[in-house]
């Protein structure tokens, strides 16, 4: 069981872990022991998540989500299989927790009169400053 929140608990049967050879640290075991973890979570058919959370998670997953709706998390930061397995599960929990929070609705605001006036005063000041730099020669006729 993978506990995301007290309300959301993902059953281990919904997760599939495969172990593959990892590049990177590992010493002599790097080519002999499969320590990297590919954690697969079938987002499309998961009964643990609500529809709104599933939609936000689909958006957050990006390229980690396959066409079939399977979320794949690769973990190969550590040398041991168990630590990589734990890392993949932690990353899945973090991703789901981000998807739980609905995005803030932006409330449109309008600039105040003082801000508009300050902007126009600054524009006028810059214009006069640039105008004073260009001295036009007086032609006497």
Protein backbone atom coordinates (compact mmCIF):
# COMPACT_ATOMS: atom_id res chain seq x y z
CA UNK A 1 0.00 0.00 0.00
CA UNK A 2 1.24 3.44 -0.97
CA UNK A 3 -0.27 6.14 1.24
CA UNK A 4 -0.38 9.52 -0.50
CA UNK A 5 -2.82 11.19 1.90
CA UNK A 6 -5.18 9.73 4.49
CA UNK A 7 -7.88 9.78 1.78
CA UNK A 8 -5.78 8.48 -1.12
CA UNK A 9 -4.18 5.06 -0.78
CA UNK A 10 -2.82 3.31 -3.85
CA UNK A 11 -2.89 -0.47 -3.80
CA UNK A 12 0.33 -2.27 -4.70
CA UNK A 13 -1.54 -4.14 -7.44
CA UNK A 14 -1.90 -0.82 -9.32
CA UNK A 15 1.90 -0.40 -9.37
CA UNK A 16 4.28 -2.39 -11.52
CA UNK A 17 8.02 -2.28 -10.89
CA UNK A 18 10.67 -3.52 -13.27
CA UNK A 19 14.38 -3.48 -12.55
CA UNK A 20 16.83 -2.62 -15.32
CA UNK A 21 20.55 -1.95 -15.65
CA UNK A 22 21.42 1.59 -14.65
CA UNK A 23 24.12 3.84 -15.95
CA UNK A 24 26.09 5.84 -13.44
CA UNK A 25 27.39 4.83 -10.01
CA UNK A 26 27.63 1.17 -9.12
CA UNK A 27 31.26 0.17 -9.29
CA UNK A 28 31.88 -3.39 -10.48
CA UNK A 29 28.19 -4.23 -10.15
CA UNK A 30 27.03 -1.67 -12.71
CA UNK A 31 26.89 -4.20 -15.55
CA UNK A 32 25.85 -7.20 -13.46
CA UNK A 33 23.03 -6.03 -11.19
CA UNK A 34 19.80 -4.38 -12.30
CA UNK A 35 19.43 -1.57 -9.77
CA UNK A 36 17.44 1.04 -11.68
CA UNK A 37 13.68 0.97 -11.19
CA UNK A 38 10.90 1.69 -13.67
CA UNK A 39 7.73 2.30 -11.71
CA UNK A 40 4.58 2.04 -13.82
CA UNK A 41 1.26 3.39 -12.59
CA UNK A 42 -1.81 2.87 -14.75
CA UNK A 43 -3.36 6.30 -14.42
CA UNK A 44 -6.14 5.57 -16.90
CA UNK A 45 -7.62 2.66 -14.92
CA UNK A 46 -6.78 3.73 -11.37
CA UNK A 47 -9.68 3.65 -8.93
CA UNK A 48 -7.68 5.40 -6.20
CA UNK A 49 -7.83 8.87 -7.76
CA UNK A 50 -10.75 11.15 -8.50
CA UNK A 51 -11.33 12.40 -12.05
CA UNK A 52 -10.14 15.94 -11.27
CA UNK A 53 -6.91 14.70 -9.67
CA UNK A 54 -6.39 12.30 -12.57
CA UNK A 55 -6.76 15.13 -15.10
CA UNK A 56 -4.33 17.40 -13.25
CA UNK A 57 -1.87 14.51 -12.87
CA UNK A 58 -2.14 13.79 -16.59
CA UNK A 59 -1.20 17.42 -17.24
CA UNK A 60 1.68 17.39 -14.73
CA UNK A 61 3.12 14.08 -15.94
CA UNK A 62 4.02 15.44 -19.36
CA UNK A 63 6.29 13.10 -21.31
CA UNK A 64 6.32 10.53 -18.49
CA UNK A 65 2.79 9.52 -19.53
CA UNK A 66 2.39 7.03 -22.36
CA UNK A 67 -0.38 7.03 -24.96
CA UNK A 68 -2.06 4.19 -23.05
CA UNK A 69 -2.31 6.34 -19.91
CA UNK A 70 0.52 4.69 -18.00
CA UNK A 71 2.74 6.93 -15.88
CA UNK A 72 6.38 5.79 -15.93
CA UNK A 73 8.88 6.98 -13.34
CA UNK A 74 12.54 6.03 -13.80
CA UNK A 75 14.73 6.01 -10.71
CA UNK A 76 18.46 5.37 -10.98
CA UNK A 77 20.01 7.93 -8.66
CA UNK A 78 21.27 5.48 -6.08
CA UNK A 79 23.41 2.34 -6.11
CA UNK A 80 20.97 0.01 -4.43
CA UNK A 81 17.78 -1.42 -5.82
CA UNK A 82 15.82 -0.78 -2.62
CA UNK A 83 16.82 2.90 -2.42
CA UNK A 84 15.90 3.45 -6.07
CA UNK A 85 12.58 1.71 -5.45
CA UNK A 86 11.89 3.98 -2.50
CA UNK A 87 12.94 7.04 -4.54
CA UNK A 88 10.52 6.15 -7.37
CA UNK A 89 7.65 5.74 -4.91
CA UNK A 90 8.47 9.05 -3.21
CA UNK A 91 8.50 10.82 -6.56
CA UNK A 92 5.12 9.32 -7.46
CA UNK A 93 3.69 10.47 -4.12
CA UNK A 94 5.09 13.99 -4.65
CA UNK A 95 3.60 14.15 -8.14
CA UNK A 96 0.17 13.04 -6.93
CA UNK A 97 0.29 15.49 -4.02
CA UNK A 98 0.98 18.32 -6.48
CA UNK A 99 -2.00 17.17 -8.55
CA UNK A 100 -4.30 17.12 -5.52
CA UNK A 101 -4.07 20.88 -5.03
CA UNK A 102 -6.33 22.67 -7.51
CA UNK A 103 -4.67 25.59 -9.30
CA UNK A 104 -5.42 29.06 -8.02
CA UNK A 105 -7.97 30.95 -10.07
CA UNK A 106 -6.51 34.20 -11.29
CA UNK A 107 -8.61 37.20 -10.41
CA UNK A 108 -8.12 39.96 -12.98
CA UNK A 109 -6.95 43.23 -11.45
CA UNK A 110 -6.77 46.68 -12.94
CA UNK A 111 -4.09 49.33 -12.41
CA UNK A 112 -5.10 52.17 -10.12
CA UNK A 113 -5.26 55.80 -11.25
CA UNK A 114 -2.09 56.62 -9.33
CA UNK A 115 -0.17 53.86 -11.13
CA UNK A 116 -1.41 55.04 -14.52
CA UNK A 117 -0.47 58.65 -13.71
CA UNK A 118 3.00 57.60 -12.49
CA UNK A 119 3.57 55.66 -15.73
CA UNK A 120 2.56 58.65 -17.85
CA UNK A 121 4.75 60.99 -15.78
CA UNK A 122 7.73 58.67 -16.24
CA UNK A 123 7.10 58.53 -19.99
CA UNK A 124 6.90 62.32 -20.17
CA UNK A 125 10.08 62.69 -18.13
CA UNK A 126 12.01 60.21 -20.33
CA UNK A 127 10.74 61.93 -23.45
CA UNK A 128 11.89 65.36 -22.24
CA UNK A 129 15.24 63.91 -21.17
CA UNK A 130 15.85 62.41 -24.62
CA UNK A 131 14.62 65.56 -26.33
CA UNK A 132 17.09 67.69 -24.36
CA UNK A 133 19.99 65.50 -25.55
CA UNK A 134 19.38 66.25 -29.20
CA UNK A 135 20.48 69.82 -29.76
CA UNK A 136 19.33 71.11 -33.11
CA UNK A 137 21.61 73.72 -34.69
CA UNK A 138 20.09 77.14 -35.31
CA UNK A 139 20.36 78.24 -38.93
CA UNK A 140 20.56 82.05 -39.40
CA UNK A 141 19.24 83.33 -42.65
